Amino acid sequence: MENKIGKTLNLELVGVDGNAHAIMGVFSRQARREKWSQEEIDSVLQEAMDGDYYHLLATIMTYCEPQDNPEDDSNPENEED
């Protein structure tokens, strides 16, 4: 799979609901947080929907590159009890 826009998101798909709509929703929300244009988001989603479920998953994964960021306050795993 080729990354046609040359960008990736800091997004880990492990633990995300496996439903195709949920995967696309998580991708879209993170892309907006990372200031992707709507055109870039739509391009990836259209490419993802051009095949079966496995094509969708492979496409979305092409544009995701999770990074460890232990100081990320938005990650509930980093909260103290």
PDB file of N, CA and C in Angstrom:
ATOM      1  N   MET A   1       0.842  -1.175   0.000  1.00  0.00           N
ATOM      2  CA  MET A   1       0.000   0.000   0.000  1.00  0.00           C
ATOM      3  C   MET A   1       0.893   1.245   0.000  1.00  0.00           C
ATOM      4  N   GLU A   2       0.562   2.205  -0.822  1.00  0.00           N
ATOM      5  CA  GLU A   2       1.366   3.423  -0.967  1.00  0.00           C
ATOM      6  C   GLU A   2       0.720   4.593  -0.227  1.00  0.00           C
ATOM      7  N   ASN A   3       1.502   5.336   0.513  1.00  0.00           N
ATOM      8  CA  ASN A   3       1.045   6.547   1.185  1.00  0.00           C
ATOM      9  C   ASN A   3       1.097   7.671   0.153  1.00  0.00           C
ATOM     10  N   LYS A   4      -0.046   8.049  -0.390  1.00  0.00           N
ATOM     11  CA  LYS A   4      -0.105   8.994  -1.507  1.00  0.00           C
ATOM     12  C   LYS A   4      -0.004  10.456  -1.101  1.00  0.00           C
ATOM     13  N   ILE A   5      -0.184  10.757   0.187  1.00  0.00           N
ATOM     14  CA  ILE A   5      -0.106  12.162   0.592  1.00  0.00           C
ATOM     15  C   ILE A   5       1.133  12.477   1.420  1.00  0.00           C
ATOM     16  N   GLY A   6       1.911  11.456   1.745  1.00  0.00           N
ATOM     17  CA  GLY A   6       3.178  11.673   2.437  1.00  0.00           C
ATOM     18  C   GLY A   6       3.059  12.103   3.887  1.00  0.00           C
ATOM     19  N   LYS A   7       1.934  11.798   4.518  1.00  0.00           N
ATOM     20  CA  LYS A   7       1.737  12.146   5.921  1.00  0.00           C
ATOM     21  C   LYS A   7       1.255  10.915   6.679  1.00  0.00           C
ATOM     22  N   THR A   8       1.530  10.886   7.973  1.00  0.00           N
ATOM     23  CA  THR A   8       0.986   9.837   8.827  1.00  0.00           C
ATOM     24  C   THR A   8       0.435  10.465  10.100  1.00  0.00           C
ATOM     25  N   LEU A   9      -0.471   9.741  10.735  1.00  0.00           N
ATOM     26  CA  LEU A   9      -1.059  10.159  12.004  1.00  0.00           C
ATOM     27  C   LEU A   9      -0.404   9.428  13.156  1.00  0.00           C
ATOM     28  N   ASN A  10      -0.384  10.046  14.307  1.00  0.00           N
ATOM     29  CA  ASN A  10       0.018   9.373  15.532  1.00  0.00           C
ATOM     30  C   ASN A  10      -1.235   8.668  16.050  1.00  0.00           C
ATOM     31  N   LEU A  11      -1.473   7.466  15.553  1.00  0.00           N
ATOM     32  CA  LEU A  11      -2.695   6.733  15.882  1.00  0.00           C
ATOM     33  C   LEU A  11      -2.401   5.251  15.987  1.00  0.00           C
ATOM     34  N   GLU A  12      -2.771   4.669  17.117  1.00  0.00           N
ATOM     35  CA  GLU A  12      -2.641   3.231  17.357  1.00  0.00           C
ATOM     36  C   GLU A  12      -4.028   2.618  17.202  1.00  0.00           C
ATOM     37  N   LEU A  13      -4.170   1.678  16.289  1.00  0.00           N
ATOM     38  CA  LEU A  13      -5.472   1.065  16.038  1.00  0.00           C
ATOM     39  C   LEU A  13      -5.762  -0.124  16.938  1.00  0.00           C
ATOM     40  N   VAL A  14      -4.771  -0.612  17.654  1.00  0.00           N
ATOM     41  CA  VAL A  14      -4.998  -1.725  18.572  1.00  0.00           C
ATOM     42  C   VAL A  14      -5.973  -1.262  19.644  1.00  0.00           C
ATOM     43  N   GLY A  15      -7.020  -2.026  19.844  1.00  0.00           N
ATOM     44  CA  GLY A  15      -8.021  -1.683  20.846  1.00  0.00           C
ATOM     45  C   GLY A  15      -9.196  -0.898  20.296  1.00  0.00           C
ATOM     46  N   VAL A  16      -9.110  -0.457  19.045  1.00  0.00           N
ATOM     47  CA  VAL A  16     -10.219   0.251  18.407  1.00  0.00           C
ATOM     48  C   VAL A  16     -11.239  -0.783  17.950  1.00  0.00           C
ATOM     49  N   ASP A  17     -12.516  -0.469  18.106  1.00  0.00           N
ATOM     50  CA  ASP A  17     -13.585  -1.344  17.625  1.00  0.00           C
ATOM     51  C   ASP A  17     -13.290  -1.705  16.172  1.00  0.00           C
ATOM     52  N   GLY A  18     -13.408  -2.975  15.827  1.00  0.00           N
ATOM     53  CA  GLY A  18     -13.050  -3.447  14.497  1.00  0.00           C
ATOM     54  C   GLY A  18     -14.039  -3.101  13.407  1.00  0.00           C
ATOM     55  N   ASN A  19     -15.145  -2.467  13.756  1.00  0.00           N
ATOM     56  CA  ASN A  19     -16.145  -2.054  12.785  1.00  0.00           C
ATOM     57  C   ASN A  19     -15.536  -1.022  11.829  1.00  0.00           C
ATOM     58  N   ALA A  20     -15.786  -1.185  10.543  1.00  0.00           N
ATOM     59  CA  ALA A  20     -15.194  -0.294   9.536  1.00  0.00           C
ATOM     60  C   ALA A  20     -15.540   1.170   9.796  1.00  0.00           C
ATOM     61  N   HIS A  21     -16.787   1.444  10.163  1.00  0.00           N
ATOM     62  CA  HIS A  21     -17.190   2.827  10.422  1.00  0.00           C
ATOM     63  C   HIS A  21     -16.460   3.394  11.639  1.00  0.00           C
ATOM     64  N   ALA A  22     -16.260   2.577  12.654  1.00  0.00           N
ATOM     65  CA  ALA A  22     -15.534   3.026  13.847  1.00  0.00           C
ATOM     66  C   ALA A  22     -14.083   3.343  13.505  1.00  0.00           C
ATOM     67  N   ILE A  23     -13.465   2.502  12.701  1.00  0.00           N
ATOM     68  CA  ILE A  23     -12.070   2.726  12.294  1.00  0.00           C
ATOM     69  C   ILE A  23     -11.947   4.032  11.513  1.00  0.00           C
ATOM     70  N   MET A  24     -12.859   4.246  10.566  1.00  0.00           N
ATOM     71  CA  MET A  24     -12.818   5.480   9.783  1.00  0.00           C
ATOM     72  C   MET A  24     -13.087   6.700  10.663  1.00  0.00           C
ATOM     73  N   GLY A  25     -13.985   6.558  11.644  1.00  0.00           N
ATOM     74  CA  GLY A  25     -14.283   7.662  12.550  1.00  0.00           C
ATOM     75  C   GLY A  25     -13.091   8.042  13.406  1.00  0.00           C
ATOM     76  N   VAL A  26     -12.416   7.044  13.963  1.00  0.00           N
ATOM     77  CA  VAL A  26     -11.222   7.298  14.780  1.00  0.00           C
ATOM     78  C   VAL A  26     -10.144   7.957  13.928  1.00  0.00           C
ATOM     79  N   PHE A  27      -9.963   7.454  12.722  1.00  0.00           N
ATOM     80  CA  PHE A  27      -8.978   8.034  11.806  1.00  0.00           C
ATOM     81  C   PHE A  27      -9.316   9.505  11.522  1.00  0.00           C
ATOM     82  N   SER A  28     -10.568   9.776  11.181  1.00  0.00           N
ATOM     83  CA  SER A  28     -10.981  11.142  10.840  1.00  0.00           C
ATOM     84  C   SER A  28     -10.781  12.105  12.002  1.00  0.00           C
ATOM     85  N   ARG A  29     -11.181  11.690  13.197  1.00  0.00           N
ATOM     86  CA  ARG A  29     -11.027  12.565  14.368  1.00  0.00           C
ATOM     87  C   ARG A  29      -9.563  12.889  14.639  1.00  0.00           C
ATOM     88  N   GLN A  30      -8.712  11.870  14.566  1.00  0.00           N
ATOM     89  CA  GLN A  30      -7.286  12.106  14.820  1.00  0.00           C
ATOM     90  C   GLN A  30      -6.679  12.982  13.724  1.00  0.00           C
ATOM     91  N   ALA A  31      -7.094  12.775  12.497  1.00  0.00           N
ATOM     92  CA  ALA A  31      -6.581  13.590  11.390  1.00  0.00           C
ATOM     93  C   ALA A  31      -6.959  15.058  11.590  1.00  0.00           C
ATOM     94  N   ARG A  32      -8.180  15.312  12.028  1.00  0.00           N
ATOM     95  CA  ARG A  32      -8.583  16.701  12.293  1.00  0.00           C
ATOM     96  C   ARG A  32      -7.767  17.289  13.444  1.00  0.00           C
ATOM     97  N   ARG A  33      -7.522  16.485  14.489  1.00  0.00           N
ATOM     98  CA  ARG A  33      -6.697  16.954  15.615  1.00  0.00           C
ATOM     99  C   ARG A  33      -5.294  17.337  15.150  1.00  0.00           C
ATOM    100  N   GLU A  34      -4.793  16.596  14.157  1.00  0.00           N
ATOM    101  CA  GLU A  34      -3.438  16.846  13.660  1.00  0.00           C
ATOM    102  C   GLU A  34      -3.429  17.806  12.465  1.00  0.00           C
ATOM    103  N   LYS A  35      -4.547  18.494  12.281  1.00  0.00           N
ATOM    104  CA  LYS A  35      -4.662  19.585  11.296  1.00  0.00           C
ATOM    105  C   LYS A  35      -4.548  19.138   9.840  1.00  0.00           C
ATOM    106  N   TRP A  36      -5.007  17.916   9.544  1.00  0.00           N
ATOM    107  CA  TRP A  36      -5.078  17.501   8.150  1.00  0.00           C
ATOM    108  C   TRP A  36      -6.231  18.258   7.499  1.00  0.00           C
ATOM    109  N   SER A  37      -6.102  18.549   6.220  1.00  0.00           N
ATOM    110  CA  SER A  37      -7.198  19.194   5.502  1.00  0.00           C
ATOM    111  C   SER A  37      -8.310  18.174   5.261  1.00  0.00           C
ATOM    112  N   GLN A  38      -9.525  18.684   5.054  1.00  0.00           N
ATOM    113  CA  GLN A  38     -10.643  17.781   4.772  1.00  0.00           C
ATOM    114  C   GLN A  38     -10.393  17.021   3.470  1.00  0.00           C
ATOM    115  N   GLU A  39      -9.728  17.660   2.533  1.00  0.00           N
ATOM    116  CA  GLU A  39      -9.392  17.002   1.266  1.00  0.00           C
ATOM    117  C   GLU A  39      -8.462  15.803   1.500  1.00  0.00           C
ATOM    118  N   GLU A  40      -7.470  15.961   2.369  1.00  0.00           N
ATOM    119  CA  GLU A  40      -6.561  14.853   2.681  1.00  0.00           C
ATOM    120  C   GLU A  40      -7.307  13.707   3.361  1.00  0.00           C
ATOM    121  N   ILE A  41      -8.163  14.047   4.318  1.00  0.00           N
ATOM    122  CA  ILE A  41      -8.942  13.027   5.027  1.00  0.00           C
ATOM    123  C   ILE A  41      -9.846  12.287   4.055  1.00  0.00           C
ATOM    124  N   ASP A  42     -10.580  13.033   3.241  1.00  0.00           N
ATOM    125  CA  ASP A  42     -11.495  12.419   2.272  1.00  0.00           C
ATOM    126  C   ASP A  42     -10.752  11.529   1.287  1.00  0.00           C
ATOM    127  N   SER A  43      -9.566  11.944   0.879  1.00  0.00           N
ATOM    128  CA  SER A  43      -8.769  11.157  -0.061  1.00  0.00           C
ATOM    129  C   SER A  43      -8.414   9.795   0.529  1.00  0.00           C
ATOM    130  N   VAL A  44      -7.976   9.785   1.782  1.00  0.00           N
ATOM    131  CA  VAL A  44      -7.615   8.524   2.438  1.00  0.00           C
ATOM    132  C   VAL A  44      -8.853   7.652   2.614  1.00  0.00           C
ATOM    133  N   LEU A  45      -9.952   8.245   3.076  1.00  0.00           N
ATOM    134  CA  LEU A  45     -11.168   7.459   3.298  1.00  0.00           C
ATOM    135  C   LEU A  45     -11.714   6.893   1.990  1.00  0.00           C
ATOM    136  N   GLN A  46     -11.656   7.671   0.923  1.00  0.00           N
ATOM    137  CA  GLN A  46     -12.127   7.172  -0.373  1.00  0.00           C
ATOM    138  C   GLN A  46     -11.266   6.009  -0.844  1.00  0.00           C
ATOM    139  N   GLU A  47      -9.959   6.154  -0.699  1.00  0.00           N
ATOM    140  CA  GLU A  47      -9.048   5.068  -1.057  1.00  0.00           C
ATOM    141  C   GLU A  47      -9.358   3.823  -0.223  1.00  0.00           C
ATOM    142  N   ALA A  48      -9.625   4.023   1.063  1.00  0.00           N
ATOM    143  CA  ALA A  48      -9.909   2.900   1.960  1.00  0.00           C
ATOM    144  C   ALA A  48     -11.191   2.171   1.563  1.00  0.00           C
ATOM    145  N   MET A  49     -12.180   2.920   1.095  1.00  0.00           N
ATOM    146  CA  MET A  49     -13.476   2.326   0.749  1.00  0.00           C
ATOM    147  C   MET A  49     -13.514   1.717  -0.646  1.00  0.00           C
ATOM    148  N   ASP A  50     -12.422   1.788  -1.376  1.00  0.00           N
ATOM    149  CA  ASP A  50     -12.377   1.247  -2.735  1.00  0.00           C
ATOM    150  C   ASP A  50     -12.168  -0.258  -2.780  1.00  0.00           C
ATOM    151  N   GLY A  51     -12.255  -0.933  -1.650  1.00  0.00           N
ATOM    152  CA  GLY A  51     -12.055  -2.381  -1.621  1.00  0.00           C
ATOM    153  C   GLY A  51     -12.837  -2.999  -0.485  1.00  0.00           C
ATOM    154  N   ASP A  52     -12.426  -4.182  -0.087  1.00  0.00           N
ATOM    155  CA  ASP A  52     -13.095  -4.883   1.005  1.00  0.00           C
ATOM    156  C   ASP A  52     -12.577  -4.392   2.363  1.00  0.00           C
ATOM    157  N   TYR A  53     -13.043  -5.032   3.423  1.00  0.00           N
ATOM    158  CA  TYR A  53     -12.665  -4.646   4.783  1.00  0.00           C
ATOM    159  C   TYR A  53     -11.154  -4.683   4.977  1.00  0.00           C
ATOM    160  N   TYR A  54     -10.505  -5.698   4.453  1.00  0.00           N
ATOM    161  CA  TYR A  54      -9.055  -5.831   4.634  1.00  0.00           C
ATOM    162  C   TYR A  54      -8.303  -4.731   3.895  1.00  0.00           C
ATOM    163  N   HIS A  55      -8.833  -4.319   2.751  1.00  0.00           N
ATOM    164  CA  HIS A  55      -8.244  -3.189   2.027  1.00  0.00           C
ATOM    165  C   HIS A  55      -8.405  -1.910   2.856  1.00  0.00           C
ATOM    166  N   LEU A  56      -9.581  -1.723   3.442  1.00  0.00           N
ATOM    167  CA  LEU A  56      -9.824  -0.555   4.282  1.00  0.00           C
ATOM    168  C   LEU A  56      -8.824  -0.515   5.432  1.00  0.00           C
ATOM    169  N   LEU A  57      -8.677  -1.631   6.109  1.00  0.00           N
ATOM    170  CA  LEU A  57      -7.763  -1.700   7.251  1.00  0.00           C
ATOM    171  C   LEU A  57      -6.315  -1.441   6.825  1.00  0.00           C
ATOM    172  N   ALA A  58      -5.897  -2.058   5.732  1.00  0.00           N
ATOM    173  CA  ALA A  58      -4.526  -1.869   5.241  1.00  0.00           C
ATOM    174  C   ALA A  58      -4.283  -0.411   4.846  1.00  0.00           C
ATOM    175  N   THR A  59      -5.274   0.207   4.220  1.00  0.00           N
ATOM    176  CA  THR A  59      -5.131   1.603   3.805  1.00  0.00           C
ATOM    177  C   THR A  59      -4.995   2.517   5.012  1.00  0.00           C
ATOM    178  N   ILE A  60      -5.894   2.369   5.972  1.00  0.00           N
ATOM    179  CA  ILE A  60      -5.840   3.214   7.167  1.00  0.00           C
ATOM    180  C   ILE A  60      -4.511   3.011   7.898  1.00  0.00           C
ATOM    181  N   MET A  61      -4.072   1.769   8.005  1.00  0.00           N
ATOM    182  CA  MET A  61      -2.809   1.482   8.694  1.00  0.00           C
ATOM    183  C   MET A  61      -1.616   2.122   7.987  1.00  0.00           C
ATOM    184  N   THR A  62      -1.695   2.262   6.666  1.00  0.00           N
ATOM    185  CA  THR A  62      -0.625   2.905   5.902  1.00  0.00           C
ATOM    186  C   THR A  62      -0.414   4.348   6.355  1.00  0.00           C
ATOM    187  N   TYR A  63      -1.493   4.983   6.793  1.00  0.00           N
ATOM    188  CA  TYR A  63      -1.430   6.387   7.184  1.00  0.00           C
ATOM    189  C   TYR A  63      -1.317   6.586   8.696  1.00  0.00           C
ATOM    190  N   CYS A  64      -1.072   5.510   9.433  1.00  0.00           N
ATOM    191  CA  CYS A  64      -0.933   5.592  10.895  1.00  0.00           C
ATOM    192  C   CYS A  64       0.459   5.149  11.312  1.00  0.00           C
ATOM    193  N   GLU A  65       1.073   5.943  12.144  1.00  0.00           N
ATOM    194  CA  GLU A  65       2.392   5.623  12.678  1.00  0.00           C
ATOM    195  C   GLU A  65       2.399   6.004  14.156  1.00  0.00           C
ATOM    196  N   PRO A  66       1.965   5.071  15.014  1.00  0.00           N
ATOM    197  CA  PRO A  66       1.884   5.402  16.439  1.00  0.00           C
ATOM    198  C   PRO A  66       3.249   5.733  17.023  1.00  0.00           C
ATOM    199  N   GLN A  67       3.263   6.722  17.883  1.00  0.00           N
ATOM    200  CA  GLN A  67       4.496   7.144  18.541  1.00  0.00           C
ATOM    201  C   GLN A  67       4.273   7.114  20.040  1.00  0.00           C
ATOM    202  N   ASP A  68       5.270   6.650  20.769  1.00  0.00           N
ATOM    203  CA  ASP A  68       5.192   6.668  22.222  1.00  0.00           C
ATOM    204  C   ASP A  68       5.364   8.100  22.698  1.00  0.00           C
ATOM    205  N   ASN A  69       4.431   8.556  23.500  1.00  0.00           N
ATOM    206  CA  ASN A  69       4.512   9.894  24.067  1.00  0.00           C
ATOM    207  C   ASN A  69       4.012   9.824  25.506  1.00  0.00           C
ATOM    208  N   PRO A  70       4.883   9.459  26.446  1.00  0.00           N
ATOM    209  CA  PRO A  70       4.455   9.265  27.827  1.00  0.00           C
ATOM    210  C   PRO A  70       3.928  10.524  28.500  1.00  0.00           C
ATOM    211  N   GLU A  71       4.190  11.696  27.945  1.00  0.00           N
ATOM    212  CA  GLU A  71       3.705  12.936  28.539  1.00  0.00           C
ATOM    213  C   GLU A  71       2.404  13.398  27.923  1.00  0.00           C
ATOM    214  N   ASP A  72       1.783  12.579  27.109  1.00  0.00           N
ATOM    215  CA  ASP A  72       0.528  12.931  26.454  1.00  0.00           C
ATOM    216  C   ASP A  72      -0.604  12.850  27.474  1.00  0.00           C
ATOM    217  N   ASP A  73      -1.139  13.997  27.874  1.00  0.00           N
ATOM    218  CA  ASP A  73      -2.190  14.041  28.890  1.00  0.00           C
ATOM    219  C   ASP A  73      -3.519  13.510  28.379  1.00  0.00           C
ATOM    220  N   SER A  74      -3.694  13.394  27.070  1.00  0.00           N
ATOM    221  CA  SER A  74      -4.954  12.906  26.530  1.00  0.00           C
ATOM    222  C   SER A  74      -5.056  11.391  26.600  1.00  0.00           C
ATOM    223  N   ASN A  75      -3.976  10.721  26.970  1.00  0.00           N
ATOM    224  CA  ASN A  75      -3.976   9.268  27.066  1.00  0.00           C
ATOM    225  C   ASN A  75      -4.365   8.865  28.480  1.00  0.00           C
ATOM    226  N   PRO A  76      -5.552   8.218  28.661  1.00  0.00           N
ATOM    227  CA  PRO A  76      -6.000   7.863  30.005  1.00  0.00           C
ATOM    228  C   PRO A  76      -5.073   6.890  30.719  1.00  0.00           C
ATOM    229  N   GLU A  77      -4.246   6.161  29.993  1.00  0.00           N
ATOM    230  CA  GLU A  77      -3.316   5.232  30.624  1.00  0.00           C
ATOM    231  C   GLU A  77      -2.224   5.967  31.386  1.00  0.00           C
ATOM    232  N   ASN A  78      -2.035   7.250  31.092  1.00  0.00           N
ATOM    233  CA  ASN A  78      -0.990   8.025  31.751  1.00  0.00           C
ATOM    234  C   ASN A  78      -1.484   8.739  33.005  1.00  0.00           C
ATOM    235  N   GLU A  79      -2.772   8.585  33.337  1.00  0.00           N
ATOM    236  CA  GLU A  79      -3.311   9.239  34.518  1.00  0.00           C
ATOM    237  C   GLU A  79      -2.949   8.451  35.762  1.00  0.00           C
ATOM    238  N   GLU A  80      -2.696   9.186  36.835  1.00  0.00           N
ATOM    239  CA  GLU A  80      -2.377   8.538  38.102  1.00  0.00           C
ATOM    240  C   GLU A  80      -3.671   8.188  38.812  1.00  0.00           C
ATOM    241  N   ASP A  81      -3.647   7.100  39.600  1.00  0.00           N
ATOM    242  CA  ASP A  81      -4.846   6.685  40.350  1.00  0.00           C
ATOM    243  C   ASP A  81      -5.012   7.491  41.609  1.00  0.00           C
TER     244      ASP A  81
END
